[in-house]
């Protein structure tokens, strides 16, 4: 997959530019079709972008946000991606469709979340780990080979099992936005830009892909 790469001087400029891109995409989609669907990954990097996004002039009542991935953890746990997502957007209140990771039957919960997804997602935000993972598609996990489901469960990774969109789900994106920050991501980003299939992120396919990275993460 071809990636467009844009580099920014620092993490603050990156977050602001990413928020601008999301807001512009939202405004265009709402004008064209009445709604904007946006899938958001977890992790620390997107939280600054989301707080910045909440300051943008967007028709928030027409925005539906889905989770790309979520840790299997208790409600309102600081480990939950949903906790930071809700906190960042509490003043603008889009519709947030949360992954049901508190259910006793997680396989059924994953299937129900799959059924809630639209046929295509206008914009999917992805991050990138130093090990090359994205979403919760992590190295050496059987979830990497799931092709018959849009949402699946991982094994243990950094102390948690996770629910995640799979490659077929990400392939439904009209546009992917990667937001990558920090020198520890530079090696993985270099592999991603080259289309290296040895890292999980390198196997993502979608109609269009834009990588926004700060200078620390940008390959030289």
N, C-alpha and C. Protein backbone atom coordinates (compact mmCIF):
# COMPACT_ATOMS: atom_id res chain seq x y z
N UNK A 1 0.84 -1.19 0.00
CA UNK A 1 0.00 0.00 0.00
C UNK A 1 0.88 1.24 0.00
N UNK A 2 0.50 2.22 -0.81
CA UNK A 2 1.24 3.48 -0.85
C UNK A 2 0.86 4.35 0.33
N UNK A 3 1.85 4.95 0.97
CA UNK A 3 1.63 5.86 2.08
C UNK A 3 2.13 7.25 1.71
N UNK A 4 1.32 8.27 1.98
CA UNK A 4 1.80 9.64 1.95
C UNK A 4 2.37 9.95 3.32
N UNK A 5 3.55 10.53 3.39
CA UNK A 5 4.21 10.85 4.65
C UNK A 5 4.37 12.35 4.81
N UNK A 6 3.87 12.88 5.93
CA UNK A 6 4.07 14.29 6.27
C UNK A 6 4.76 14.36 7.63
N UNK A 7 5.81 15.17 7.71
CA UNK A 7 6.59 15.28 8.95
C UNK A 7 6.40 16.65 9.58
N UNK A 8 6.40 16.67 10.92
CA UNK A 8 6.20 17.91 11.67
C UNK A 8 7.31 18.07 12.70
N UNK A 9 7.56 19.31 13.07
CA UNK A 9 8.73 19.62 13.89
C UNK A 9 8.69 18.95 15.25
N UNK A 10 7.51 18.84 15.83
CA UNK A 10 7.41 18.28 17.18
C UNK A 10 6.04 17.66 17.39
N UNK A 11 5.84 17.07 18.56
CA UNK A 11 4.60 16.35 18.83
C UNK A 11 3.40 17.28 18.89
N UNK A 12 3.58 18.51 19.36
CA UNK A 12 2.45 19.44 19.44
C UNK A 12 1.97 19.83 18.04
N UNK A 13 2.92 20.14 17.15
CA UNK A 13 2.53 20.47 15.78
C UNK A 13 1.87 19.28 15.10
N UNK A 14 2.38 18.10 15.38
CA UNK A 14 1.79 16.88 14.82
C UNK A 14 0.34 16.72 15.27
N UNK A 15 0.10 16.85 16.57
CA UNK A 15 -1.25 16.66 17.09
C UNK A 15 -2.22 17.68 16.52
N UNK A 16 -1.78 18.93 16.40
CA UNK A 16 -2.64 19.97 15.86
C UNK A 16 -2.96 19.72 14.39
N UNK A 17 -1.95 19.32 13.62
CA UNK A 17 -2.17 19.04 12.19
C UNK A 17 -3.08 17.83 12.00
N UNK A 18 -2.91 16.81 12.84
CA UNK A 18 -3.77 15.63 12.75
C UNK A 18 -5.21 15.99 13.09
N UNK A 19 -5.40 16.83 14.12
CA UNK A 19 -6.75 17.28 14.47
C UNK A 19 -7.38 18.06 13.33
N UNK A 20 -6.59 18.91 12.67
CA UNK A 20 -7.09 19.65 11.52
C UNK A 20 -7.54 18.70 10.41
N UNK A 21 -6.74 17.67 10.16
CA UNK A 21 -7.07 16.73 9.09
C UNK A 21 -8.37 16.00 9.41
N UNK A 22 -8.52 15.55 10.64
CA UNK A 22 -9.75 14.85 11.03
C UNK A 22 -10.95 15.79 10.89
N UNK A 23 -10.81 17.02 11.38
CA UNK A 23 -11.92 17.97 11.32
C UNK A 23 -12.30 18.29 9.88
N UNK A 24 -11.30 18.46 9.02
CA UNK A 24 -11.58 18.74 7.60
C UNK A 24 -12.28 17.55 6.93
N UNK A 25 -11.83 16.35 7.26
CA UNK A 25 -12.46 15.15 6.70
C UNK A 25 -13.89 15.02 7.19
N UNK A 26 -14.09 15.29 8.48
CA UNK A 26 -15.43 15.22 9.05
C UNK A 26 -16.37 16.21 8.36
N UNK A 27 -15.92 17.44 8.20
CA UNK A 27 -16.75 18.47 7.58
C UNK A 27 -17.12 18.10 6.15
N UNK A 28 -16.14 17.57 5.41
CA UNK A 28 -16.43 17.15 4.03
C UNK A 28 -17.43 16.01 3.98
N UNK A 29 -17.23 14.99 4.82
CA UNK A 29 -18.12 13.83 4.81
C UNK A 29 -19.53 14.20 5.23
N UNK A 30 -19.64 15.06 6.23
CA UNK A 30 -20.97 15.47 6.69
C UNK A 30 -21.68 16.26 5.60
N UNK A 31 -20.95 17.11 4.89
CA UNK A 31 -21.55 17.87 3.79
C UNK A 31 -22.01 16.95 2.67
N UNK A 32 -21.23 15.90 2.41
CA UNK A 32 -21.54 15.01 1.28
C UNK A 32 -22.58 13.96 1.61
N UNK A 33 -22.57 13.45 2.87
CA UNK A 33 -23.42 12.30 3.17
C UNK A 33 -24.21 12.42 4.47
N UNK A 34 -24.00 13.49 5.19
CA UNK A 34 -24.79 13.72 6.39
C UNK A 34 -24.20 13.18 7.68
N UNK A 35 -23.20 12.31 7.59
CA UNK A 35 -22.58 11.73 8.77
C UNK A 35 -21.08 11.57 8.53
N UNK A 36 -20.35 11.32 9.63
CA UNK A 36 -18.92 11.05 9.57
C UNK A 36 -18.62 9.91 10.54
N UNK A 37 -18.07 8.83 9.99
CA UNK A 37 -17.68 7.69 10.83
C UNK A 37 -16.17 7.70 11.01
N UNK A 38 -15.74 7.55 12.25
CA UNK A 38 -14.33 7.72 12.61
C UNK A 38 -13.98 6.62 13.61
N UNK A 39 -13.00 5.80 13.28
CA UNK A 39 -12.54 4.74 14.19
C UNK A 39 -11.21 5.16 14.79
N UNK A 40 -11.10 5.05 16.11
CA UNK A 40 -9.95 5.59 16.83
C UNK A 40 -9.24 4.48 17.59
N UNK A 41 -7.92 4.44 17.43
CA UNK A 41 -7.09 3.47 18.15
C UNK A 41 -6.76 3.99 19.55
N UNK A 42 -6.32 3.07 20.40
CA UNK A 42 -5.91 3.44 21.74
C UNK A 42 -4.46 3.88 21.80
N UNK A 43 -3.97 4.03 23.02
CA UNK A 43 -2.60 4.47 23.22
C UNK A 43 -2.54 5.92 23.67
N UNK A 44 -1.34 6.36 24.03
CA UNK A 44 -1.16 7.72 24.55
C UNK A 44 -1.12 8.77 23.44
N UNK A 45 -0.52 8.44 22.32
CA UNK A 45 -0.30 9.43 21.27
C UNK A 45 -1.58 10.12 20.78
N UNK A 46 -2.70 9.38 20.58
CA UNK A 46 -3.87 10.07 20.03
C UNK A 46 -4.59 10.98 21.01
N UNK A 47 -4.31 10.88 22.31
CA UNK A 47 -5.09 11.66 23.27
C UNK A 47 -4.90 13.16 23.09
N UNK A 48 -3.66 13.60 22.82
CA UNK A 48 -3.43 15.04 22.59
C UNK A 48 -4.17 15.47 21.33
N UNK A 49 -4.13 14.63 20.28
CA UNK A 49 -4.86 14.93 19.06
C UNK A 49 -6.35 15.06 19.34
N UNK A 50 -6.91 14.17 20.15
CA UNK A 50 -8.34 14.19 20.42
C UNK A 50 -8.74 15.43 21.22
N UNK A 51 -7.92 15.81 22.18
CA UNK A 51 -8.22 17.04 22.93
C UNK A 51 -8.20 18.25 22.00
N UNK A 52 -7.24 18.27 21.08
CA UNK A 52 -7.18 19.35 20.10
C UNK A 52 -8.37 19.30 19.16
N UNK A 53 -8.76 18.11 18.77
CA UNK A 53 -9.90 17.93 17.87
C UNK A 53 -11.18 18.48 18.49
N UNK A 54 -11.34 18.32 19.79
CA UNK A 54 -12.55 18.78 20.48
C UNK A 54 -12.70 20.30 20.40
N UNK A 55 -11.63 21.01 20.08
CA UNK A 55 -11.69 22.46 19.94
C UNK A 55 -12.07 22.90 18.53
N UNK A 56 -12.17 21.95 17.62
CA UNK A 56 -12.46 22.29 16.23
C UNK A 56 -13.97 22.45 16.01
N UNK A 57 -14.31 23.25 15.02
CA UNK A 57 -15.72 23.50 14.68
C UNK A 57 -16.22 22.38 13.78
N UNK A 58 -16.83 21.39 14.40
CA UNK A 58 -17.35 20.21 13.70
C UNK A 58 -18.80 20.01 14.13
N UNK A 59 -19.63 19.53 13.23
CA UNK A 59 -21.02 19.20 13.59
C UNK A 59 -21.02 17.87 14.35
N UNK A 60 -20.73 17.95 15.64
CA UNK A 60 -20.47 16.75 16.43
C UNK A 60 -21.67 15.81 16.53
N UNK A 61 -22.87 16.33 16.40
CA UNK A 61 -24.05 15.46 16.47
C UNK A 61 -24.13 14.53 15.27
N UNK A 62 -23.33 14.81 14.24
CA UNK A 62 -23.32 13.96 13.04
C UNK A 62 -22.09 13.04 13.00
N UNK A 63 -21.35 12.98 14.10
CA UNK A 63 -20.12 12.18 14.16
C UNK A 63 -20.37 10.91 14.98
N UNK A 64 -19.97 9.77 14.42
CA UNK A 64 -20.04 8.49 15.13
C UNK A 64 -18.62 7.93 15.23
N UNK A 65 -18.20 7.67 16.46
CA UNK A 65 -16.84 7.20 16.70
C UNK A 65 -16.87 5.74 17.15
N UNK A 66 -16.06 4.93 16.50
CA UNK A 66 -15.90 3.51 16.85
C UNK A 66 -14.50 3.31 17.44
N UNK A 67 -14.36 2.25 18.21
CA UNK A 67 -13.05 1.90 18.74
C UNK A 67 -12.37 0.90 17.82
N UNK A 68 -11.10 1.17 17.51
CA UNK A 68 -10.31 0.20 16.75
C UNK A 68 -9.90 -0.96 17.64
N UNK A 69 -9.59 -0.67 18.90
CA UNK A 69 -9.17 -1.72 19.82
C UNK A 69 -9.42 -1.28 21.25
N UNK A 70 -9.44 -2.26 22.14
CA UNK A 70 -9.70 -1.98 23.55
C UNK A 70 -9.14 -3.10 24.42
N UNK A 71 -8.60 -2.72 25.58
CA UNK A 71 -8.12 -3.70 26.54
C UNK A 71 -9.31 -4.33 27.28
N UNK A 72 -9.17 -5.59 27.62
CA UNK A 72 -10.17 -6.26 28.44
C UNK A 72 -9.90 -5.83 29.89
N UNK A 73 -10.62 -4.83 30.34
CA UNK A 73 -10.40 -4.25 31.67
C UNK A 73 -11.72 -3.70 32.18
N UNK A 74 -11.73 -3.36 33.46
CA UNK A 74 -12.95 -2.92 34.13
C UNK A 74 -13.42 -1.57 33.61
N UNK A 75 -14.72 -1.27 33.77
CA UNK A 75 -15.25 0.03 33.35
C UNK A 75 -14.50 1.18 34.03
N UNK A 76 -14.24 2.22 33.25
CA UNK A 76 -13.57 3.43 33.73
C UNK A 76 -12.14 3.20 34.19
N UNK A 77 -11.59 2.03 33.94
CA UNK A 77 -10.19 1.78 34.28
C UNK A 77 -9.29 2.71 33.47
N UNK A 78 -8.23 3.23 34.08
CA UNK A 78 -7.30 4.05 33.30
C UNK A 78 -6.62 3.27 32.18
N UNK A 79 -6.70 1.94 32.23
CA UNK A 79 -6.13 1.11 31.18
C UNK A 79 -7.05 1.02 29.96
N UNK A 80 -8.30 1.42 30.13
CA UNK A 80 -9.24 1.35 29.02
C UNK A 80 -9.02 2.50 28.06
N UNK A 81 -8.96 2.21 26.76
CA UNK A 81 -8.88 3.27 25.76
C UNK A 81 -10.11 4.18 25.81
N UNK A 82 -11.26 3.59 26.14
CA UNK A 82 -12.50 4.35 26.19
C UNK A 82 -12.43 5.48 27.21
N UNK A 83 -11.74 5.26 28.31
CA UNK A 83 -11.68 6.26 29.37
C UNK A 83 -11.08 7.57 28.85
N UNK A 84 -9.95 7.49 28.16
CA UNK A 84 -9.32 8.68 27.61
C UNK A 84 -10.12 9.28 26.47
N UNK A 85 -10.76 8.43 25.67
CA UNK A 85 -11.56 8.90 24.54
C UNK A 85 -12.74 9.74 25.03
N UNK A 86 -13.46 9.23 26.02
CA UNK A 86 -14.61 9.96 26.57
C UNK A 86 -14.16 11.25 27.22
N UNK A 87 -13.05 11.19 27.96
CA UNK A 87 -12.54 12.39 28.63
C UNK A 87 -12.18 13.48 27.62
N UNK A 88 -11.54 13.10 26.53
CA UNK A 88 -11.09 14.08 25.54
C UNK A 88 -12.27 14.75 24.84
N UNK A 89 -13.37 14.01 24.64
CA UNK A 89 -14.47 14.51 23.83
C UNK A 89 -15.73 14.81 24.63
N UNK A 90 -15.59 14.88 25.95
CA UNK A 90 -16.77 15.04 26.81
C UNK A 90 -17.53 16.32 26.54
N UNK A 91 -16.84 17.38 26.10
CA UNK A 91 -17.52 18.66 25.88
C UNK A 91 -18.21 18.76 24.52
N UNK A 92 -17.92 17.83 23.62
CA UNK A 92 -18.53 17.90 22.28
C UNK A 92 -19.52 16.77 22.02
N UNK A 93 -19.37 15.67 22.73
CA UNK A 93 -20.35 14.59 22.77
C UNK A 93 -20.77 14.03 21.41
N UNK A 94 -19.83 13.48 20.67
CA UNK A 94 -20.22 12.69 19.50
C UNK A 94 -20.84 11.38 19.98
N UNK A 95 -21.42 10.63 19.09
CA UNK A 95 -21.86 9.28 19.43
C UNK A 95 -20.63 8.38 19.47
N UNK A 96 -20.42 7.71 20.60
CA UNK A 96 -19.29 6.79 20.74
C UNK A 96 -19.82 5.38 20.89
N UNK A 97 -19.42 4.50 19.99
CA UNK A 97 -19.83 3.10 20.03
C UNK A 97 -18.69 2.31 20.65
N UNK A 98 -18.85 1.96 21.91
CA UNK A 98 -17.77 1.35 22.68
C UNK A 98 -17.71 -0.16 22.47
N UNK A 99 -16.51 -0.69 22.44
CA UNK A 99 -16.35 -2.15 22.40
C UNK A 99 -16.83 -2.75 23.72
N UNK A 100 -17.66 -3.80 23.66
CA UNK A 100 -18.26 -4.37 24.87
C UNK A 100 -17.34 -5.37 25.57
N UNK A 101 -16.21 -4.87 26.05
CA UNK A 101 -15.20 -5.77 26.63
C UNK A 101 -15.52 -6.24 28.04
N UNK A 102 -16.62 -5.74 28.61
CA UNK A 102 -17.01 -6.17 29.96
C UNK A 102 -17.91 -7.38 29.93
N UNK A 103 -18.34 -7.83 28.76
CA UNK A 103 -19.25 -8.96 28.65
C UNK A 103 -18.59 -10.26 29.09
N UNK A 104 -19.37 -11.15 29.63
CA UNK A 104 -18.84 -12.45 30.05
C UNK A 104 -18.42 -13.29 28.84
N UNK A 105 -19.19 -13.22 27.77
CA UNK A 105 -18.89 -13.98 26.55
C UNK A 105 -18.23 -13.02 25.56
N UNK A 106 -16.91 -12.99 25.56
CA UNK A 106 -16.20 -12.03 24.73
C UNK A 106 -16.27 -12.35 23.25
N UNK A 107 -16.36 -13.62 22.90
CA UNK A 107 -16.50 -13.97 21.49
C UNK A 107 -17.82 -13.44 20.93
N UNK A 108 -18.89 -13.60 21.71
CA UNK A 108 -20.19 -13.07 21.30
C UNK A 108 -20.14 -11.55 21.25
N UNK A 109 -19.45 -10.94 22.22
CA UNK A 109 -19.32 -9.48 22.24
C UNK A 109 -18.61 -8.97 21.00
N UNK A 110 -17.54 -9.66 20.59
CA UNK A 110 -16.82 -9.27 19.38
C UNK A 110 -17.71 -9.38 18.15
N UNK A 111 -18.51 -10.43 18.10
CA UNK A 111 -19.41 -10.60 16.96
C UNK A 111 -20.47 -9.50 16.93
N UNK A 112 -20.96 -9.09 18.10
CA UNK A 112 -21.95 -8.02 18.15
C UNK A 112 -21.33 -6.69 17.75
N UNK A 113 -20.09 -6.47 18.16
CA UNK A 113 -19.45 -5.21 17.76
C UNK A 113 -19.23 -5.19 16.25
N UNK A 114 -18.85 -6.32 15.70
CA UNK A 114 -18.70 -6.41 14.24
C UNK A 114 -20.00 -6.03 13.55
N UNK A 115 -21.12 -6.51 14.08
CA UNK A 115 -22.41 -6.24 13.47
C UNK A 115 -22.78 -4.76 13.54
N UNK A 116 -22.18 -4.04 14.48
CA UNK A 116 -22.49 -2.61 14.63
C UNK A 116 -21.69 -1.74 13.66
N UNK A 117 -20.68 -2.28 13.03
CA UNK A 117 -19.81 -1.48 12.16
C UNK A 117 -20.49 -1.16 10.84
N UNK A 118 -20.22 0.02 10.29
CA UNK A 118 -20.77 0.36 8.98
C UNK A 118 -20.05 -0.42 7.87
N UNK A 119 -20.63 -0.40 6.70
CA UNK A 119 -20.02 -1.11 5.57
C UNK A 119 -18.65 -0.56 5.24
N UNK A 120 -18.46 0.73 5.45
CA UNK A 120 -17.15 1.34 5.30
C UNK A 120 -17.02 2.43 6.36
N UNK A 121 -15.79 2.72 6.73
CA UNK A 121 -15.52 3.75 7.73
C UNK A 121 -14.81 4.90 7.02
N UNK A 122 -15.30 6.11 7.23
CA UNK A 122 -14.73 7.26 6.52
C UNK A 122 -13.26 7.46 6.84
N UNK A 123 -12.90 7.34 8.12
CA UNK A 123 -11.52 7.58 8.54
C UNK A 123 -11.18 6.66 9.69
N UNK A 124 -10.05 5.97 9.59
CA UNK A 124 -9.55 5.12 10.67
C UNK A 124 -8.21 5.68 11.13
N UNK A 125 -8.12 5.99 12.41
CA UNK A 125 -6.86 6.42 13.00
C UNK A 125 -6.10 5.19 13.49
N UNK A 126 -4.82 5.14 13.19
CA UNK A 126 -3.95 4.07 13.67
C UNK A 126 -2.69 4.66 14.27
N UNK A 127 -2.16 3.98 15.27
CA UNK A 127 -0.86 4.31 15.80
C UNK A 127 0.15 3.26 15.37
N UNK A 128 1.34 3.36 15.91
CA UNK A 128 2.41 2.43 15.55
C UNK A 128 3.28 2.21 16.78
N UNK A 129 3.46 0.96 17.16
CA UNK A 129 4.31 0.64 18.29
C UNK A 129 5.75 0.43 17.87
N UNK A 130 6.69 0.54 18.80
CA UNK A 130 8.10 0.28 18.46
C UNK A 130 8.33 -1.12 17.91
N UNK A 131 7.45 -2.06 18.27
CA UNK A 131 7.57 -3.43 17.77
C UNK A 131 6.84 -3.64 16.45
N UNK A 132 6.29 -2.55 15.89
CA UNK A 132 5.60 -2.65 14.61
C UNK A 132 4.14 -3.00 14.71
N UNK A 133 3.58 -3.06 15.92
CA UNK A 133 2.16 -3.38 16.02
C UNK A 133 1.33 -2.14 15.71
N UNK A 134 0.09 -2.37 15.32
CA UNK A 134 -0.88 -1.32 15.15
C UNK A 134 -2.23 -1.87 15.56
N UNK A 135 -3.16 -0.96 15.95
CA UNK A 135 -4.38 -1.43 16.60
C UNK A 135 -3.92 -2.36 17.74
N UNK A 136 -4.54 -3.53 17.88
CA UNK A 136 -3.97 -4.55 18.77
C UNK A 136 -3.58 -5.78 17.94
N UNK A 137 -3.08 -5.50 16.75
CA UNK A 137 -2.51 -6.52 15.88
C UNK A 137 -1.03 -6.59 16.22
N UNK A 138 -0.71 -7.51 17.11
CA UNK A 138 0.62 -7.54 17.71
C UNK A 138 1.44 -8.71 17.17
N UNK A 139 2.77 -8.57 17.19
CA UNK A 139 3.61 -9.62 16.62
C UNK A 139 3.33 -11.00 17.22
N UNK A 140 3.28 -11.98 16.34
CA UNK A 140 3.19 -13.40 16.71
C UNK A 140 1.87 -13.80 17.35
N UNK A 141 0.86 -12.95 17.30
CA UNK A 141 -0.44 -13.31 17.85
C UNK A 141 -1.30 -13.95 16.77
N UNK A 142 -2.07 -14.98 17.09
CA UNK A 142 -2.94 -15.61 16.09
C UNK A 142 -3.94 -14.65 15.45
N UNK A 143 -4.23 -13.52 16.10
CA UNK A 143 -5.19 -12.58 15.54
C UNK A 143 -4.72 -12.04 14.19
N UNK A 144 -3.42 -12.09 13.94
CA UNK A 144 -2.89 -11.59 12.66
C UNK A 144 -3.42 -12.40 11.48
N UNK A 145 -3.80 -13.64 11.74
CA UNK A 145 -4.24 -14.52 10.65
C UNK A 145 -5.75 -14.64 10.56
N UNK A 146 -6.48 -13.84 11.32
CA UNK A 146 -7.94 -13.89 11.26
C UNK A 146 -8.42 -13.14 10.02
N UNK A 147 -9.08 -13.86 9.14
CA UNK A 147 -9.57 -13.26 7.90
C UNK A 147 -11.08 -13.38 7.74
N UNK A 148 -11.73 -14.13 8.63
CA UNK A 148 -13.16 -14.37 8.50
C UNK A 148 -14.01 -13.54 9.46
N UNK A 149 -13.38 -12.63 10.19
CA UNK A 149 -14.08 -11.76 11.14
C UNK A 149 -13.51 -10.35 11.07
N UNK A 150 -14.34 -9.38 11.37
CA UNK A 150 -13.91 -7.99 11.39
C UNK A 150 -13.39 -7.57 12.76
N UNK A 151 -13.81 -8.28 13.80
CA UNK A 151 -13.41 -7.99 15.17
C UNK A 151 -13.05 -9.30 15.84
N UNK A 152 -11.91 -9.32 16.53
CA UNK A 152 -11.45 -10.56 17.16
C UNK A 152 -10.71 -10.26 18.45
N UNK A 153 -10.36 -11.32 19.16
CA UNK A 153 -9.67 -11.20 20.45
C UNK A 153 -8.23 -11.65 20.32
N UNK A 154 -7.37 -10.97 21.06
CA UNK A 154 -5.95 -11.34 21.07
C UNK A 154 -5.64 -12.21 22.27
N UNK A 155 -4.42 -12.72 22.29
CA UNK A 155 -3.88 -13.31 23.50
C UNK A 155 -3.38 -12.20 24.41
N UNK A 156 -2.66 -12.59 25.44
CA UNK A 156 -2.14 -11.59 26.38
C UNK A 156 -1.02 -10.78 25.71
N UNK A 157 -1.07 -9.46 25.90
CA UNK A 157 -0.05 -8.56 25.37
C UNK A 157 0.13 -7.44 26.38
N UNK A 158 1.31 -7.32 26.92
CA UNK A 158 1.62 -6.30 27.91
C UNK A 158 0.60 -6.30 29.05
N UNK A 159 0.23 -7.52 29.47
CA UNK A 159 -0.61 -7.67 30.64
C UNK A 159 -2.11 -7.71 30.40
N UNK A 160 -2.54 -7.55 29.15
CA UNK A 160 -3.98 -7.53 28.85
C UNK A 160 -4.29 -8.30 27.58
N UNK A 161 -5.44 -8.99 27.57
CA UNK A 161 -6.03 -9.40 26.31
C UNK A 161 -6.75 -8.19 25.74
N UNK A 162 -6.98 -8.21 24.44
CA UNK A 162 -7.60 -7.06 23.79
C UNK A 162 -8.64 -7.51 22.77
N UNK A 163 -9.56 -6.64 22.49
CA UNK A 163 -10.49 -6.78 21.37
C UNK A 163 -10.00 -5.81 20.30
N UNK A 164 -9.96 -6.26 19.06
CA UNK A 164 -9.40 -5.41 18.01
C UNK A 164 -10.08 -5.61 16.67
N UNK A 165 -10.11 -4.56 15.88
CA UNK A 165 -10.45 -4.72 14.48
C UNK A 165 -9.34 -5.53 13.81
N UNK A 166 -9.71 -6.35 12.85
CA UNK A 166 -8.77 -7.18 12.13
C UNK A 166 -8.38 -6.50 10.81
N UNK A 167 -7.47 -7.14 10.08
CA UNK A 167 -7.08 -6.57 8.78
C UNK A 167 -8.27 -6.38 7.84
N UNK A 168 -9.20 -7.34 7.74
CA UNK A 168 -10.35 -7.11 6.85
C UNK A 168 -11.18 -5.89 7.25
N UNK A 169 -11.28 -5.61 8.54
CA UNK A 169 -12.02 -4.42 8.98
C UNK A 169 -11.28 -3.16 8.59
N UNK A 170 -9.98 -3.12 8.80
CA UNK A 170 -9.20 -1.93 8.44
C UNK A 170 -9.23 -1.69 6.94
N UNK A 171 -9.33 -2.76 6.17
CA UNK A 171 -9.37 -2.62 4.70
C UNK A 171 -10.64 -1.93 4.23
N UNK A 172 -11.65 -1.82 5.09
CA UNK A 172 -12.88 -1.13 4.74
C UNK A 172 -12.75 0.39 4.85
N UNK A 173 -11.65 0.87 5.38
CA UNK A 173 -11.47 2.31 5.58
C UNK A 173 -11.34 3.03 4.24
N UNK A 174 -12.05 4.15 4.13
CA UNK A 174 -11.84 5.01 2.97
C UNK A 174 -10.49 5.72 3.07
N UNK A 175 -10.08 6.02 4.30
CA UNK A 175 -8.82 6.71 4.54
C UNK A 175 -8.25 6.25 5.88
N UNK A 176 -6.96 5.97 5.91
CA UNK A 176 -6.28 5.69 7.17
C UNK A 176 -5.37 6.86 7.50
N UNK A 177 -5.39 7.25 8.76
CA UNK A 177 -4.50 8.29 9.26
C UNK A 177 -3.63 7.68 10.35
N UNK A 178 -2.34 7.57 10.07
CA UNK A 178 -1.38 7.12 11.07
C UNK A 178 -0.82 8.35 11.78
N UNK A 179 -0.80 8.33 13.10
CA UNK A 179 -0.20 9.42 13.87
C UNK A 179 0.92 8.80 14.71
N UNK A 180 2.15 9.20 14.42
CA UNK A 180 3.32 8.51 14.98
C UNK A 180 4.26 9.53 15.60
N UNK A 181 4.61 9.32 16.86
CA UNK A 181 5.43 10.29 17.58
C UNK A 181 6.50 9.57 18.39
N UNK A 182 7.72 10.10 18.38
CA UNK A 182 8.76 9.59 19.25
C UNK A 182 9.86 8.83 18.53
N UNK A 183 11.09 9.01 19.00
CA UNK A 183 12.25 8.37 18.37
C UNK A 183 12.19 6.86 18.45
N UNK A 184 11.48 6.32 19.44
CA UNK A 184 11.39 4.86 19.57
C UNK A 184 10.55 4.24 18.47
N UNK A 185 9.84 5.07 17.69
CA UNK A 185 9.01 4.55 16.59
C UNK A 185 9.73 4.63 15.24
N UNK A 186 10.93 5.25 15.21
CA UNK A 186 11.55 5.53 13.91
C UNK A 186 11.84 4.27 13.11
N UNK A 187 12.38 3.25 13.76
CA UNK A 187 12.72 2.02 13.02
C UNK A 187 11.47 1.36 12.47
N UNK A 188 10.41 1.30 13.28
CA UNK A 188 9.17 0.69 12.82
C UNK A 188 8.54 1.51 11.69
N UNK A 189 8.61 2.83 11.81
CA UNK A 189 8.03 3.67 10.75
C UNK A 189 8.79 3.52 9.46
N UNK A 190 10.10 3.37 9.53
CA UNK A 190 10.89 3.13 8.33
C UNK A 190 10.42 1.86 7.62
N UNK A 191 10.15 0.81 8.39
CA UNK A 191 9.66 -0.44 7.82
C UNK A 191 8.26 -0.26 7.22
N UNK A 192 7.40 0.48 7.92
CA UNK A 192 6.04 0.70 7.42
C UNK A 192 6.06 1.44 6.10
N UNK A 193 6.85 2.49 6.02
CA UNK A 193 6.91 3.29 4.79
C UNK A 193 7.39 2.44 3.62
N UNK A 194 8.29 1.50 3.91
CA UNK A 194 8.81 0.62 2.85
C UNK A 194 7.87 -0.52 2.51
N UNK A 195 6.77 -0.65 3.25
CA UNK A 195 5.83 -1.73 2.99
C UNK A 195 6.32 -3.08 3.46
N UNK A 196 7.14 -3.09 4.49
CA UNK A 196 7.73 -4.32 5.00
C UNK A 196 6.65 -5.16 5.70
N UNK A 197 6.42 -6.36 5.21
CA UNK A 197 5.36 -7.21 5.74
C UNK A 197 5.80 -7.97 6.98
N UNK A 198 7.02 -7.77 7.44
CA UNK A 198 7.49 -8.48 8.63
C UNK A 198 6.91 -7.88 9.91
N UNK A 199 6.38 -6.65 9.84
CA UNK A 199 5.73 -6.07 11.01
C UNK A 199 4.22 -6.06 10.78
N UNK A 200 3.42 -6.19 11.84
CA UNK A 200 1.97 -6.22 11.65
C UNK A 200 1.43 -5.00 10.92
N UNK A 201 1.96 -3.81 11.21
CA UNK A 201 1.47 -2.60 10.55
C UNK A 201 1.67 -2.65 9.05
N UNK A 202 2.70 -3.33 8.59
CA UNK A 202 3.00 -3.39 7.17
C UNK A 202 1.98 -4.17 6.37
N UNK A 203 1.13 -4.93 7.07
CA UNK A 203 0.13 -5.75 6.38
C UNK A 203 -1.22 -5.05 6.24
N UNK A 204 -1.33 -3.83 6.76
CA UNK A 204 -2.58 -3.08 6.64
C UNK A 204 -2.79 -2.64 5.20
N UNK A 205 -4.01 -2.81 4.70
CA UNK A 205 -4.38 -2.35 3.37
C UNK A 205 -5.64 -1.50 3.48
N UNK A 206 -5.70 -0.43 2.72
CA UNK A 206 -6.89 0.42 2.67
C UNK A 206 -6.82 1.28 1.42
N UNK A 207 -7.90 2.00 1.14
CA UNK A 207 -7.95 2.79 -0.09
C UNK A 207 -6.89 3.88 -0.12
N UNK A 208 -6.71 4.59 1.00
CA UNK A 208 -5.74 5.67 1.07
C UNK A 208 -5.09 5.67 2.44
N UNK A 209 -3.82 6.09 2.48
CA UNK A 209 -3.08 6.07 3.74
C UNK A 209 -2.22 7.32 3.85
N UNK A 210 -2.41 8.05 4.94
CA UNK A 210 -1.60 9.23 5.25
C UNK A 210 -0.90 9.00 6.58
N UNK A 211 0.41 9.14 6.58
CA UNK A 211 1.19 9.05 7.81
C UNK A 211 1.59 10.46 8.22
N UNK A 212 1.24 10.85 9.44
CA UNK A 212 1.72 12.08 10.04
C UNK A 212 2.65 11.71 11.17
N UNK A 213 3.85 12.23 11.16
CA UNK A 213 4.87 11.87 12.16
C UNK A 213 5.63 13.10 12.60
N UNK A 214 6.10 13.09 13.84
CA UNK A 214 6.97 14.17 14.26
C UNK A 214 8.39 13.88 13.79
N UNK A 215 9.27 14.87 13.90
CA UNK A 215 10.61 14.73 13.35
C UNK A 215 11.39 13.61 14.05
N UNK A 216 11.09 13.37 15.33
CA UNK A 216 11.78 12.31 16.05
C UNK A 216 11.49 10.94 15.47
N UNK A 217 10.29 10.73 14.99
CA UNK A 217 9.88 9.44 14.44
C UNK A 217 10.17 9.30 12.97
N UNK A 218 10.32 10.41 12.26
CA UNK A 218 10.47 10.36 10.81
C UNK A 218 11.81 9.76 10.40
N UNK A 219 11.79 8.74 9.53
CA UNK A 219 13.05 8.16 9.06
C UNK A 219 13.90 9.20 8.34
N UNK A 220 15.19 9.12 8.55
CA UNK A 220 16.11 10.08 7.93
C UNK A 220 16.48 9.65 6.51
